[in-house]
Amino acid sequence: MNSSKWGQLVYLAEEKFGIDRQDNKEIIIDETHKGQEIKGEKEIIEFQAPIGKIRMEKITKPKVIDKKINSSKRAGSKTTVDLVYSDTETVSSMNLYKKDSSGEWKEIKPEDLNN
C-alpha cells in the first residue's frame, strides 16, 4: 500500500461517509536482543458505512533487509535471531475491520467481501 493509494481511500471514505475518527500512533514493531526498539507508524481511520462501523489501519514499518543469527557451540547457550531493518526503506500494509454486535473489531478478509 503506497501513500497515494492510501490517500485516495481516505478521501473516498471522507467523501462518501464522513470520517468519525482519524489517528496516527507510533508503535513498536520489534525489539532486538540488545533491547533496541524498532518503531513504526499506525494510521487509523474510522467511519460509519452502510454495512456498519468500519476501521481502516495502515501500518508502516522499516523494511527487513537481513537476518543475523547469533549462536554458540557451547552447551546450554541460546540462539537469537535479529532482523536487520533498513534506515531508509519502509513497507506498508493495510487492514480492514468491522465492529460486530458485541463491540469487538473483527478483521475483514478479501474472501469475506464476496459474500
N, C-alpha and C. Protein backbone atom coordinates (compact mmCIF):
# COMPACT_ATOMS: atom_id res chain seq x y z
N MET A 1 0.86 -1.17 0.00
CA MET A 1 0.00 0.00 0.00
C MET A 1 0.90 1.22 0.00
N ASN A 2 0.84 2.00 -1.06
CA ASN A 2 1.64 3.23 -1.08
C ASN A 2 0.82 4.42 -0.58
N SER A 3 1.50 5.52 -0.37
CA SER A 3 0.85 6.69 0.24
C SER A 3 -0.26 7.28 -0.61
N SER A 4 -0.08 7.27 -1.94
CA SER A 4 -1.12 7.86 -2.79
C SER A 4 -2.40 7.02 -2.79
N LYS A 5 -2.26 5.69 -2.79
CA LYS A 5 -3.45 4.82 -2.75
C LYS A 5 -4.16 4.97 -1.40
N TRP A 6 -3.39 5.04 -0.32
CA TRP A 6 -3.99 5.25 0.99
C TRP A 6 -4.72 6.59 1.03
N GLY A 7 -4.11 7.62 0.48
CA GLY A 7 -4.74 8.94 0.42
C GLY A 7 -6.05 8.91 -0.35
N GLN A 8 -6.08 8.15 -1.45
CA GLN A 8 -7.32 8.01 -2.23
C GLN A 8 -8.41 7.32 -1.41
N LEU A 9 -8.04 6.27 -0.67
CA LEU A 9 -9.02 5.56 0.16
C LEU A 9 -9.58 6.47 1.25
N VAL A 10 -8.71 7.24 1.89
CA VAL A 10 -9.15 8.16 2.94
C VAL A 10 -10.07 9.22 2.34
N TYR A 11 -9.71 9.74 1.18
CA TYR A 11 -10.53 10.76 0.51
C TYR A 11 -11.91 10.19 0.17
N LEU A 12 -11.96 8.96 -0.40
CA LEU A 12 -13.24 8.34 -0.75
C LEU A 12 -14.11 8.10 0.49
N ALA A 13 -13.49 7.62 1.57
CA ALA A 13 -14.24 7.38 2.80
C ALA A 13 -14.81 8.69 3.35
N GLU A 14 -14.02 9.75 3.28
CA GLU A 14 -14.48 11.04 3.78
C GLU A 14 -15.60 11.61 2.91
N GLU A 15 -15.47 11.48 1.61
CA GLU A 15 -16.49 11.99 0.69
C GLU A 15 -17.81 11.23 0.81
N LYS A 16 -17.73 9.90 0.90
CA LYS A 16 -18.95 9.09 0.90
C LYS A 16 -19.61 8.98 2.27
N PHE A 17 -18.81 8.84 3.32
CA PHE A 17 -19.37 8.52 4.63
C PHE A 17 -19.04 9.53 5.72
N GLY A 18 -17.99 10.29 5.55
CA GLY A 18 -17.53 11.17 6.63
C GLY A 18 -16.69 10.38 7.61
N ILE A 19 -15.62 10.97 8.08
CA ILE A 19 -14.71 10.26 8.98
C ILE A 19 -15.07 10.60 10.43
N ASP A 20 -15.29 9.55 11.23
CA ASP A 20 -15.61 9.72 12.65
C ASP A 20 -14.35 9.91 13.48
N ARG A 21 -13.28 9.21 13.12
CA ARG A 21 -12.04 9.26 13.89
C ARG A 21 -10.85 9.07 12.96
N GLN A 22 -9.83 9.90 13.15
CA GLN A 22 -8.58 9.77 12.40
C GLN A 22 -7.44 9.95 13.39
N ASP A 23 -6.51 8.98 13.41
CA ASP A 23 -5.48 8.99 14.43
C ASP A 23 -4.18 8.42 13.87
N ASN A 24 -3.04 8.95 14.31
CA ASN A 24 -1.72 8.42 14.00
C ASN A 24 -1.05 8.03 15.30
N LYS A 25 -0.45 6.82 15.33
CA LYS A 25 0.23 6.35 16.52
C LYS A 25 1.60 5.82 16.14
N GLU A 26 2.55 6.01 17.03
CA GLU A 26 3.84 5.35 16.87
C GLU A 26 3.74 4.02 17.59
N ILE A 27 4.15 2.93 16.93
CA ILE A 27 4.06 1.60 17.52
C ILE A 27 5.43 0.94 17.53
N ILE A 28 5.61 -0.01 18.41
CA ILE A 28 6.85 -0.79 18.46
C ILE A 28 6.65 -2.05 17.63
N ILE A 29 7.47 -2.21 16.60
CA ILE A 29 7.37 -3.34 15.69
C ILE A 29 8.14 -4.54 16.23
N ASP A 30 9.33 -4.30 16.73
CA ASP A 30 10.22 -5.38 17.15
C ASP A 30 11.18 -4.84 18.20
N GLU A 31 11.83 -5.76 18.88
CA GLU A 31 12.88 -5.39 19.83
C GLU A 31 14.03 -6.36 19.65
N THR A 32 15.24 -5.84 19.48
CA THR A 32 16.41 -6.70 19.31
C THR A 32 16.78 -7.32 20.65
N HIS A 33 17.64 -8.34 20.62
CA HIS A 33 18.04 -8.97 21.88
C HIS A 33 18.88 -8.03 22.74
N LYS A 34 19.36 -6.94 22.16
CA LYS A 34 20.11 -5.93 22.91
C LYS A 34 19.18 -4.87 23.51
N GLY A 35 17.88 -4.97 23.25
CA GLY A 35 16.91 -4.04 23.83
C GLY A 35 16.55 -2.85 22.95
N GLN A 36 17.08 -2.78 21.75
CA GLN A 36 16.77 -1.67 20.85
C GLN A 36 15.36 -1.85 20.28
N GLU A 37 14.54 -0.82 20.38
CA GLU A 37 13.17 -0.88 19.87
C GLU A 37 13.13 -0.43 18.41
N ILE A 38 12.43 -1.19 17.58
CA ILE A 38 12.20 -0.84 16.18
C ILE A 38 10.78 -0.30 16.11
N LYS A 39 10.65 0.94 15.66
CA LYS A 39 9.34 1.61 15.69
C LYS A 39 8.77 1.76 14.30
N GLY A 40 7.45 1.78 14.25
CA GLY A 40 6.71 2.01 13.02
C GLY A 40 5.58 2.99 13.32
N GLU A 41 4.68 3.12 12.34
CA GLU A 41 3.57 4.06 12.49
C GLU A 41 2.27 3.37 12.08
N LYS A 42 1.22 3.65 12.84
CA LYS A 42 -0.11 3.12 12.52
C LYS A 42 -1.05 4.30 12.34
N GLU A 43 -1.70 4.34 11.17
CA GLU A 43 -2.69 5.37 10.89
C GLU A 43 -4.06 4.70 10.89
N ILE A 44 -4.99 5.27 11.66
CA ILE A 44 -6.32 4.67 11.84
C ILE A 44 -7.38 5.64 11.34
N ILE A 45 -8.31 5.11 10.54
CA ILE A 45 -9.47 5.85 10.05
C ILE A 45 -10.71 5.04 10.41
N GLU A 46 -11.69 5.67 11.05
CA GLU A 46 -12.96 5.01 11.36
C GLU A 46 -14.11 5.81 10.76
N PHE A 47 -15.07 5.09 10.21
CA PHE A 47 -16.23 5.73 9.62
C PHE A 47 -17.42 4.79 9.65
N GLN A 48 -18.61 5.38 9.54
CA GLN A 48 -19.86 4.61 9.52
C GLN A 48 -20.27 4.37 8.08
N ALA A 49 -20.29 3.12 7.64
CA ALA A 49 -20.69 2.73 6.29
C ALA A 49 -22.05 2.04 6.37
N PRO A 50 -22.69 1.79 5.23
CA PRO A 50 -23.99 1.09 5.25
C PRO A 50 -23.93 -0.30 5.89
N ILE A 51 -22.76 -0.94 5.86
CA ILE A 51 -22.65 -2.29 6.45
C ILE A 51 -22.26 -2.23 7.93
N GLY A 52 -22.02 -1.04 8.47
CA GLY A 52 -21.68 -0.89 9.87
C GLY A 52 -20.44 -0.02 10.06
N LYS A 53 -19.94 0.00 11.29
CA LYS A 53 -18.75 0.79 11.63
C LYS A 53 -17.51 0.09 11.07
N ILE A 54 -16.70 0.84 10.31
CA ILE A 54 -15.52 0.31 9.63
C ILE A 54 -14.27 1.01 10.15
N ARG A 55 -13.20 0.25 10.29
CA ARG A 55 -11.89 0.79 10.67
C ARG A 55 -10.86 0.36 9.63
N MET A 56 -10.12 1.34 9.10
CA MET A 56 -9.01 1.05 8.19
C MET A 56 -7.73 1.39 8.94
N GLU A 57 -6.77 0.47 8.90
CA GLU A 57 -5.47 0.71 9.54
C GLU A 57 -4.36 0.54 8.51
N LYS A 58 -3.49 1.53 8.45
CA LYS A 58 -2.30 1.44 7.61
C LYS A 58 -1.10 1.39 8.54
N ILE A 59 -0.31 0.30 8.42
CA ILE A 59 0.87 0.14 9.25
C ILE A 59 2.10 0.30 8.37
N THR A 60 2.96 1.23 8.73
CA THR A 60 4.19 1.48 8.01
C THR A 60 5.35 1.15 8.93
N LYS A 61 6.26 0.29 8.44
CA LYS A 61 7.40 -0.13 9.25
C LYS A 61 8.64 -0.23 8.39
N PRO A 62 9.82 -0.23 9.01
CA PRO A 62 11.05 -0.35 8.23
C PRO A 62 11.12 -1.70 7.53
N LYS A 63 11.72 -1.71 6.36
CA LYS A 63 11.86 -2.93 5.56
C LYS A 63 12.96 -3.82 6.16
N VAL A 64 12.67 -5.13 6.25
CA VAL A 64 13.67 -6.09 6.73
C VAL A 64 14.62 -6.38 5.57
N ILE A 65 15.92 -6.15 5.81
CA ILE A 65 16.90 -6.37 4.74
C ILE A 65 17.82 -7.55 5.00
N ASP A 66 17.84 -8.07 6.23
CA ASP A 66 18.73 -9.19 6.53
C ASP A 66 18.33 -9.81 7.87
N LYS A 67 18.83 -11.03 8.11
CA LYS A 67 18.66 -11.70 9.40
C LYS A 67 20.04 -12.04 9.92
N LYS A 68 20.26 -11.76 11.19
CA LYS A 68 21.52 -12.13 11.84
C LYS A 68 21.21 -13.20 12.88
N ILE A 69 21.90 -14.33 12.77
CA ILE A 69 21.71 -15.42 13.73
C ILE A 69 22.91 -15.42 14.67
N ASN A 70 22.64 -15.25 15.94
CA ASN A 70 23.68 -15.24 16.97
C ASN A 70 23.61 -16.55 17.72
N SER A 71 24.65 -17.38 17.58
CA SER A 71 24.65 -18.67 18.26
C SER A 71 26.05 -19.02 18.73
N SER A 72 26.11 -20.04 19.53
CA SER A 72 27.37 -20.52 20.06
C SER A 72 27.31 -22.04 20.09
N LYS A 73 28.47 -22.68 20.02
CA LYS A 73 28.51 -24.15 20.05
C LYS A 73 28.62 -24.69 21.47
N ARG A 74 28.60 -23.80 22.46
CA ARG A 74 28.68 -24.26 23.84
C ARG A 74 27.35 -24.87 24.27
N ALA A 75 27.44 -25.83 25.15
CA ALA A 75 26.24 -26.48 25.67
C ALA A 75 25.45 -25.49 26.52
N GLY A 76 24.15 -25.46 26.32
CA GLY A 76 23.29 -24.60 27.11
C GLY A 76 23.18 -23.17 26.62
N SER A 77 23.89 -22.82 25.57
CA SER A 77 23.80 -21.44 25.07
C SER A 77 22.54 -21.29 24.23
N LYS A 78 22.05 -20.08 24.16
CA LYS A 78 20.83 -19.85 23.39
C LYS A 78 21.16 -19.20 22.06
N THR A 79 20.29 -19.41 21.11
CA THR A 79 20.43 -18.83 19.78
C THR A 79 19.40 -17.72 19.64
N THR A 80 19.83 -16.59 19.12
CA THR A 80 18.91 -15.49 18.87
C THR A 80 18.97 -15.10 17.40
N VAL A 81 17.85 -14.63 16.90
CA VAL A 81 17.77 -14.15 15.53
C VAL A 81 17.38 -12.68 15.58
N ASP A 82 18.24 -11.84 15.05
CA ASP A 82 17.95 -10.41 14.95
C ASP A 82 17.67 -10.06 13.51
N LEU A 83 16.58 -9.35 13.29
CA LEU A 83 16.28 -8.85 11.96
C LEU A 83 16.98 -7.51 11.78
N VAL A 84 17.55 -7.30 10.60
CA VAL A 84 18.21 -6.04 10.29
C VAL A 84 17.24 -5.22 9.46
N TYR A 85 16.95 -4.01 9.92
CA TYR A 85 15.97 -3.15 9.28
C TYR A 85 16.68 -2.03 8.52
N SER A 86 16.06 -1.61 7.42
CA SER A 86 16.58 -0.51 6.62
C SER A 86 16.34 0.81 7.32
N ASP A 87 17.29 1.73 7.18
CA ASP A 87 17.11 3.07 7.74
C ASP A 87 16.31 3.97 6.81
N THR A 88 16.24 3.61 5.52
CA THR A 88 15.61 4.49 4.54
C THR A 88 14.35 3.91 3.91
N GLU A 89 14.25 2.60 3.76
CA GLU A 89 13.11 1.98 3.08
C GLU A 89 12.06 1.52 4.08
N THR A 90 10.81 1.68 3.69
CA THR A 90 9.69 1.23 4.53
C THR A 90 8.74 0.37 3.71
N VAL A 91 7.94 -0.41 4.40
CA VAL A 91 6.86 -1.17 3.78
C VAL A 91 5.57 -0.84 4.52
N SER A 92 4.47 -0.87 3.80
CA SER A 92 3.17 -0.54 4.39
C SER A 92 2.18 -1.65 4.09
N SER A 93 1.28 -1.87 5.03
CA SER A 93 0.19 -2.82 4.83
C SER A 93 -1.09 -2.20 5.36
N MET A 94 -2.21 -2.71 4.88
CA MET A 94 -3.50 -2.18 5.29
C MET A 94 -4.37 -3.31 5.81
N ASN A 95 -5.04 -3.06 6.91
CA ASN A 95 -6.01 -4.00 7.47
C ASN A 95 -7.36 -3.30 7.56
N LEU A 96 -8.42 -4.08 7.37
CA LEU A 96 -9.77 -3.56 7.39
C LEU A 96 -10.56 -4.32 8.45
N TYR A 97 -11.28 -3.59 9.31
CA TYR A 97 -12.04 -4.19 10.40
C TYR A 97 -13.48 -3.68 10.39
N LYS A 98 -14.38 -4.53 10.91
CA LYS A 98 -15.78 -4.15 11.07
C LYS A 98 -16.16 -4.42 12.52
N LYS A 99 -16.88 -3.49 13.12
CA LYS A 99 -17.32 -3.66 14.51
C LYS A 99 -18.52 -4.58 14.53
N ASP A 100 -18.44 -5.66 15.32
CA ASP A 100 -19.56 -6.59 15.38
C ASP A 100 -20.55 -6.17 16.47
N SER A 101 -21.58 -6.97 16.66
CA SER A 101 -22.66 -6.60 17.60
C SER A 101 -22.18 -6.54 19.06
N SER A 102 -21.10 -7.24 19.38
CA SER A 102 -20.59 -7.21 20.75
C SER A 102 -19.62 -6.04 21.00
N GLY A 103 -19.35 -5.26 19.94
CA GLY A 103 -18.46 -4.11 20.09
C GLY A 103 -17.00 -4.41 19.80
N GLU A 104 -16.69 -5.64 19.41
CA GLU A 104 -15.32 -6.04 19.08
C GLU A 104 -15.03 -5.80 17.61
N TRP A 105 -13.78 -5.45 17.29
CA TRP A 105 -13.38 -5.26 15.90
C TRP A 105 -12.99 -6.62 15.32
N LYS A 106 -13.64 -7.02 14.23
CA LYS A 106 -13.34 -8.27 13.52
C LYS A 106 -12.71 -7.91 12.18
N GLU A 107 -11.60 -8.58 11.86
CA GLU A 107 -10.91 -8.30 10.61
C GLU A 107 -11.74 -8.78 9.42
N ILE A 108 -11.80 -7.96 8.39
CA ILE A 108 -12.47 -8.32 7.14
C ILE A 108 -11.40 -8.78 6.18
N LYS A 109 -11.51 -10.02 5.73
CA LYS A 109 -10.56 -10.57 4.78
C LYS A 109 -11.13 -10.43 3.36
N PRO A 110 -10.29 -10.37 2.35
CA PRO A 110 -10.79 -10.21 0.97
C PRO A 110 -11.83 -11.26 0.57
N GLU A 111 -11.65 -12.51 1.03
CA GLU A 111 -12.61 -13.55 0.66
C GLU A 111 -13.97 -13.34 1.32
N ASP A 112 -14.02 -12.59 2.43
CA ASP A 112 -15.29 -12.28 3.11
C ASP A 112 -16.12 -11.28 2.32
N LEU A 113 -15.49 -10.47 1.47
CA LEU A 113 -16.20 -9.44 0.73
C LEU A 113 -17.08 -9.98 -0.38
N ASN A 114 -16.84 -11.22 -0.81
CA ASN A 114 -17.64 -11.82 -1.88
C ASN A 114 -18.98 -12.33 -1.39
N ASN A 115 -19.17 -12.45 -0.08
CA ASN A 115 -20.43 -12.97 0.46
C ASN A 115 -21.45 -11.90 0.65
